[in-house]
Amino acid sequence: MVSCFKIQVQAGFDQIDLPINVPTHIIWGVNDPFLSKRLAKESAKRCKDVDVSFIDDATHWVHHEEPEILNYLLLQTLKKRERKVRNM
């Protein structure tokens, strides 16, 4: 996803079409001074199977600022994926 962000910023959102076909969970700090919330939303549109979580009290460094929330979201995502695999 990181390379997709760079391409989207450089080329513009409407100039590229890079589908992401793997399960993806975008976890985004609302107060990120470097990357806008719009980038997360536009990136999510390119994902076939996506969850997006916006963390209100975090910036670009969600994993440092809100590790408990991040860990909770990661565990929930893994449990969701596990249920999907079991039901196949």
N, C-alpha and C. Protein backbone atom coordinates (compact mmCIF):
# COMPACT_ATOMS: atom_id res chain seq x y z
N MET A 1 0.82 -1.20 0.00
CA MET A 1 0.00 0.00 0.00
C MET A 1 0.86 1.26 0.00
N VAL A 2 2.01 1.23 0.64
CA VAL A 2 2.85 2.44 0.70
C VAL A 2 3.20 2.93 -0.69
N SER A 3 3.59 2.03 -1.59
CA SER A 3 3.92 2.46 -2.95
C SER A 3 2.69 3.02 -3.65
N CYS A 4 1.51 2.48 -3.35
CA CYS A 4 0.28 3.02 -3.94
C CYS A 4 0.04 4.45 -3.48
N PHE A 5 0.31 4.74 -2.19
CA PHE A 5 0.15 6.10 -1.68
C PHE A 5 1.05 7.06 -2.44
N LYS A 6 2.31 6.67 -2.62
CA LYS A 6 3.26 7.53 -3.31
C LYS A 6 2.82 7.81 -4.74
N ILE A 7 2.38 6.78 -5.42
CA ILE A 7 1.93 6.94 -6.80
C ILE A 7 0.70 7.84 -6.86
N GLN A 8 -0.24 7.64 -5.94
CA GLN A 8 -1.45 8.45 -5.94
C GLN A 8 -1.14 9.92 -5.69
N VAL A 9 -0.22 10.18 -4.78
CA VAL A 9 0.15 11.56 -4.48
C VAL A 9 0.84 12.19 -5.67
N GLN A 10 1.75 11.46 -6.30
CA GLN A 10 2.51 12.00 -7.42
C GLN A 10 1.68 12.14 -8.69
N ALA A 11 0.89 11.14 -9.01
CA ALA A 11 0.16 11.13 -10.28
C ALA A 11 -1.24 11.71 -10.17
N GLY A 12 -1.79 11.72 -8.99
CA GLY A 12 -3.17 12.15 -8.82
C GLY A 12 -4.08 10.94 -8.73
N PHE A 13 -5.15 11.07 -7.98
CA PHE A 13 -6.04 9.94 -7.71
C PHE A 13 -6.69 9.38 -8.96
N ASP A 14 -7.03 10.23 -9.89
CA ASP A 14 -7.78 9.78 -11.05
C ASP A 14 -6.89 9.32 -12.20
N GLN A 15 -5.59 9.44 -12.06
CA GLN A 15 -4.68 9.12 -13.15
C GLN A 15 -4.24 7.66 -13.18
N ILE A 16 -4.50 6.92 -12.12
CA ILE A 16 -4.01 5.55 -12.06
C ILE A 16 -5.13 4.60 -11.64
N ASP A 17 -4.92 3.36 -11.97
CA ASP A 17 -5.87 2.32 -11.56
C ASP A 17 -5.06 1.10 -11.11
N LEU A 18 -4.77 1.05 -9.84
CA LEU A 18 -4.00 -0.06 -9.27
C LEU A 18 -4.89 -0.83 -8.31
N PRO A 19 -5.54 -1.88 -8.78
CA PRO A 19 -6.41 -2.64 -7.87
C PRO A 19 -5.58 -3.42 -6.85
N ILE A 20 -6.08 -3.45 -5.63
CA ILE A 20 -5.46 -4.23 -4.55
C ILE A 20 -6.38 -5.42 -4.30
N ASN A 21 -5.89 -6.61 -4.55
CA ASN A 21 -6.74 -7.80 -4.50
C ASN A 21 -6.54 -8.66 -3.26
N VAL A 22 -5.79 -8.18 -2.31
CA VAL A 22 -5.60 -8.91 -1.06
C VAL A 22 -6.37 -8.20 0.05
N PRO A 23 -6.82 -8.93 1.06
CA PRO A 23 -7.52 -8.27 2.17
C PRO A 23 -6.64 -7.18 2.78
N THR A 24 -7.24 -6.03 3.01
CA THR A 24 -6.50 -4.86 3.48
C THR A 24 -7.25 -4.18 4.60
N HIS A 25 -6.51 -3.72 5.60
CA HIS A 25 -7.09 -2.90 6.66
C HIS A 25 -6.25 -1.64 6.75
N ILE A 26 -6.87 -0.53 6.42
CA ILE A 26 -6.19 0.77 6.49
C ILE A 26 -6.52 1.37 7.85
N ILE A 27 -5.48 1.64 8.63
CA ILE A 27 -5.63 2.23 9.96
C ILE A 27 -4.96 3.60 9.89
N TRP A 28 -5.73 4.66 10.09
CA TRP A 28 -5.29 6.01 9.75
C TRP A 28 -5.48 6.96 10.91
N GLY A 29 -4.46 7.74 11.21
CA GLY A 29 -4.57 8.79 12.21
C GLY A 29 -5.24 10.02 11.61
N VAL A 30 -6.31 10.46 12.21
CA VAL A 30 -7.08 11.60 11.69
C VAL A 30 -6.23 12.88 11.65
N ASN A 31 -5.33 13.03 12.60
CA ASN A 31 -4.52 14.24 12.69
C ASN A 31 -3.17 14.11 12.01
N ASP A 32 -3.06 13.23 11.02
CA ASP A 32 -1.80 13.04 10.30
C ASP A 32 -1.44 14.33 9.57
N PRO A 33 -0.26 14.92 9.89
CA PRO A 33 0.12 16.17 9.23
C PRO A 33 0.69 15.97 7.83
N PHE A 34 0.98 14.72 7.45
CA PHE A 34 1.63 14.44 6.17
C PHE A 34 0.67 13.92 5.11
N LEU A 35 -0.27 13.06 5.52
CA LEU A 35 -1.17 12.41 4.58
C LEU A 35 -2.62 12.67 4.98
N SER A 36 -3.41 13.11 4.03
CA SER A 36 -4.79 13.48 4.33
C SER A 36 -5.70 12.26 4.45
N LYS A 37 -6.79 12.48 5.12
CA LYS A 37 -7.83 11.45 5.26
C LYS A 37 -8.36 11.04 3.88
N ARG A 38 -8.37 11.98 2.97
CA ARG A 38 -8.83 11.71 1.60
C ARG A 38 -7.99 10.61 0.96
N LEU A 39 -6.69 10.61 1.23
CA LEU A 39 -5.81 9.58 0.66
C LEU A 39 -6.23 8.19 1.13
N ALA A 40 -6.61 8.08 2.39
CA ALA A 40 -7.07 6.78 2.91
C ALA A 40 -8.36 6.36 2.21
N LYS A 41 -9.28 7.30 2.05
CA LYS A 41 -10.56 6.99 1.40
C LYS A 41 -10.37 6.61 -0.07
N GLU A 42 -9.53 7.35 -0.77
CA GLU A 42 -9.28 7.05 -2.18
C GLU A 42 -8.56 5.71 -2.32
N SER A 43 -7.65 5.42 -1.41
CA SER A 43 -6.93 4.14 -1.44
C SER A 43 -7.89 2.98 -1.20
N ALA A 44 -8.82 3.17 -0.29
CA ALA A 44 -9.79 2.12 0.02
C ALA A 44 -10.64 1.77 -1.20
N LYS A 45 -10.92 2.74 -2.05
CA LYS A 45 -11.71 2.48 -3.25
C LYS A 45 -11.01 1.51 -4.19
N ARG A 46 -9.72 1.40 -4.09
CA ARG A 46 -8.95 0.53 -4.98
C ARG A 46 -8.82 -0.90 -4.44
N CYS A 47 -9.32 -1.11 -3.23
CA CYS A 47 -9.17 -2.42 -2.59
C CYS A 47 -10.45 -3.24 -2.75
N LYS A 48 -10.27 -4.49 -3.07
CA LYS A 48 -11.41 -5.39 -3.26
C LYS A 48 -12.06 -5.74 -1.93
N ASP A 49 -11.26 -5.98 -0.90
CA ASP A 49 -11.74 -6.38 0.43
C ASP A 49 -11.03 -5.50 1.44
N VAL A 50 -11.72 -4.47 1.92
CA VAL A 50 -11.04 -3.46 2.74
C VAL A 50 -11.86 -3.07 3.97
N ASP A 51 -11.15 -2.82 5.04
CA ASP A 51 -11.70 -2.16 6.22
C ASP A 51 -10.88 -0.90 6.42
N VAL A 52 -11.53 0.17 6.84
CA VAL A 52 -10.83 1.42 7.12
C VAL A 52 -11.20 1.87 8.53
N SER A 53 -10.18 2.18 9.31
CA SER A 53 -10.39 2.67 10.67
C SER A 53 -9.65 4.00 10.82
N PHE A 54 -10.38 5.02 11.23
CA PHE A 54 -9.78 6.32 11.50
C PHE A 54 -9.65 6.49 13.01
N ILE A 55 -8.44 6.80 13.47
CA ILE A 55 -8.17 6.96 14.89
C ILE A 55 -8.12 8.46 15.20
N ASP A 56 -9.09 8.92 15.98
CA ASP A 56 -9.26 10.36 16.23
C ASP A 56 -8.05 11.02 16.89
N ASP A 57 -7.45 10.40 17.87
CA ASP A 57 -6.40 11.04 18.64
C ASP A 57 -4.99 10.69 18.16
N ALA A 58 -4.86 10.25 16.92
CA ALA A 58 -3.56 9.85 16.41
C ALA A 58 -3.17 10.68 15.19
N THR A 59 -1.85 10.71 14.96
CA THR A 59 -1.32 11.40 13.78
C THR A 59 -0.79 10.34 12.81
N HIS A 60 0.36 10.61 12.25
CA HIS A 60 0.98 9.70 11.30
C HIS A 60 1.52 8.44 11.98
N TRP A 61 1.74 8.52 13.26
CA TRP A 61 2.41 7.46 14.02
C TRP A 61 1.44 6.72 14.91
N VAL A 62 0.38 6.18 14.35
CA VAL A 62 -0.67 5.49 15.10
C VAL A 62 -0.09 4.40 15.99
N HIS A 63 0.85 3.64 15.49
CA HIS A 63 1.41 2.51 16.24
C HIS A 63 2.15 2.97 17.49
N HIS A 64 2.66 4.20 17.51
CA HIS A 64 3.33 4.73 18.70
C HIS A 64 2.34 5.43 19.64
N GLU A 65 1.40 6.13 19.05
CA GLU A 65 0.49 6.97 19.84
C GLU A 65 -0.69 6.20 20.43
N GLU A 66 -1.18 5.22 19.72
CA GLU A 66 -2.36 4.45 20.17
C GLU A 66 -2.12 2.95 19.99
N PRO A 67 -1.08 2.38 20.62
CA PRO A 67 -0.77 0.97 20.39
C PRO A 67 -1.89 0.01 20.82
N GLU A 68 -2.63 0.37 21.86
CA GLU A 68 -3.71 -0.52 22.31
C GLU A 68 -4.82 -0.59 21.27
N ILE A 69 -5.17 0.55 20.72
CA ILE A 69 -6.21 0.59 19.68
C ILE A 69 -5.73 -0.16 18.45
N LEU A 70 -4.50 0.09 18.05
CA LEU A 70 -3.94 -0.59 16.89
C LEU A 70 -3.95 -2.10 17.09
N ASN A 71 -3.49 -2.56 18.24
CA ASN A 71 -3.46 -4.00 18.51
C ASN A 71 -4.86 -4.60 18.48
N TYR A 72 -5.82 -3.89 19.07
CA TYR A 72 -7.20 -4.35 19.06
C TYR A 72 -7.71 -4.51 17.62
N LEU A 73 -7.47 -3.49 16.79
CA LEU A 73 -7.94 -3.54 15.40
C LEU A 73 -7.26 -4.66 14.62
N LEU A 74 -5.98 -4.85 14.84
CA LEU A 74 -5.27 -5.93 14.16
C LEU A 74 -5.82 -7.29 14.56
N LEU A 75 -6.05 -7.47 15.86
CA LEU A 75 -6.61 -8.74 16.32
C LEU A 75 -8.01 -8.98 15.74
N GLN A 76 -8.83 -7.95 15.70
CA GLN A 76 -10.17 -8.08 15.12
C GLN A 76 -10.09 -8.45 13.65
N THR A 77 -9.16 -7.84 12.94
CA THR A 77 -8.98 -8.14 11.52
C THR A 77 -8.55 -9.59 11.32
N LEU A 78 -7.60 -10.03 12.12
CA LEU A 78 -7.13 -11.42 12.01
C LEU A 78 -8.25 -12.41 12.33
N LYS A 79 -9.05 -12.11 13.35
CA LYS A 79 -10.18 -12.99 13.70
C LYS A 79 -11.20 -13.04 12.57
N LYS A 80 -11.46 -11.90 11.96
CA LYS A 80 -12.40 -11.83 10.84
C LYS A 80 -11.89 -12.68 9.67
N ARG A 81 -10.61 -12.56 9.36
CA ARG A 81 -10.02 -13.34 8.27
C ARG A 81 -10.06 -14.83 8.59
N GLU A 82 -9.80 -15.17 9.85
CA GLU A 82 -9.83 -16.58 10.25
C GLU A 82 -11.23 -17.16 10.07
N ARG A 83 -12.27 -16.40 10.45
CA ARG A 83 -13.64 -16.87 10.27
C ARG A 83 -13.96 -17.10 8.80
N LYS A 84 -13.49 -16.20 7.95
CA LYS A 84 -13.73 -16.36 6.51
C LYS A 84 -13.07 -17.62 5.97
N VAL A 85 -11.86 -17.89 6.42
CA VAL A 85 -11.14 -19.09 5.97
C VAL A 85 -11.84 -20.34 6.46
N ARG A 86 -12.30 -20.34 7.69
CA ARG A 86 -12.99 -21.51 8.25
C ARG A 86 -14.31 -21.80 7.53
N ASN A 87 -14.94 -20.76 7.04
CA ASN A 87 -16.23 -20.92 6.38
C ASN A 87 -16.11 -21.24 4.90
N MET A 88 -14.92 -21.37 4.39
CA MET A 88 -14.73 -21.67 2.97
C MET A 88 -15.03 -23.12 2.68
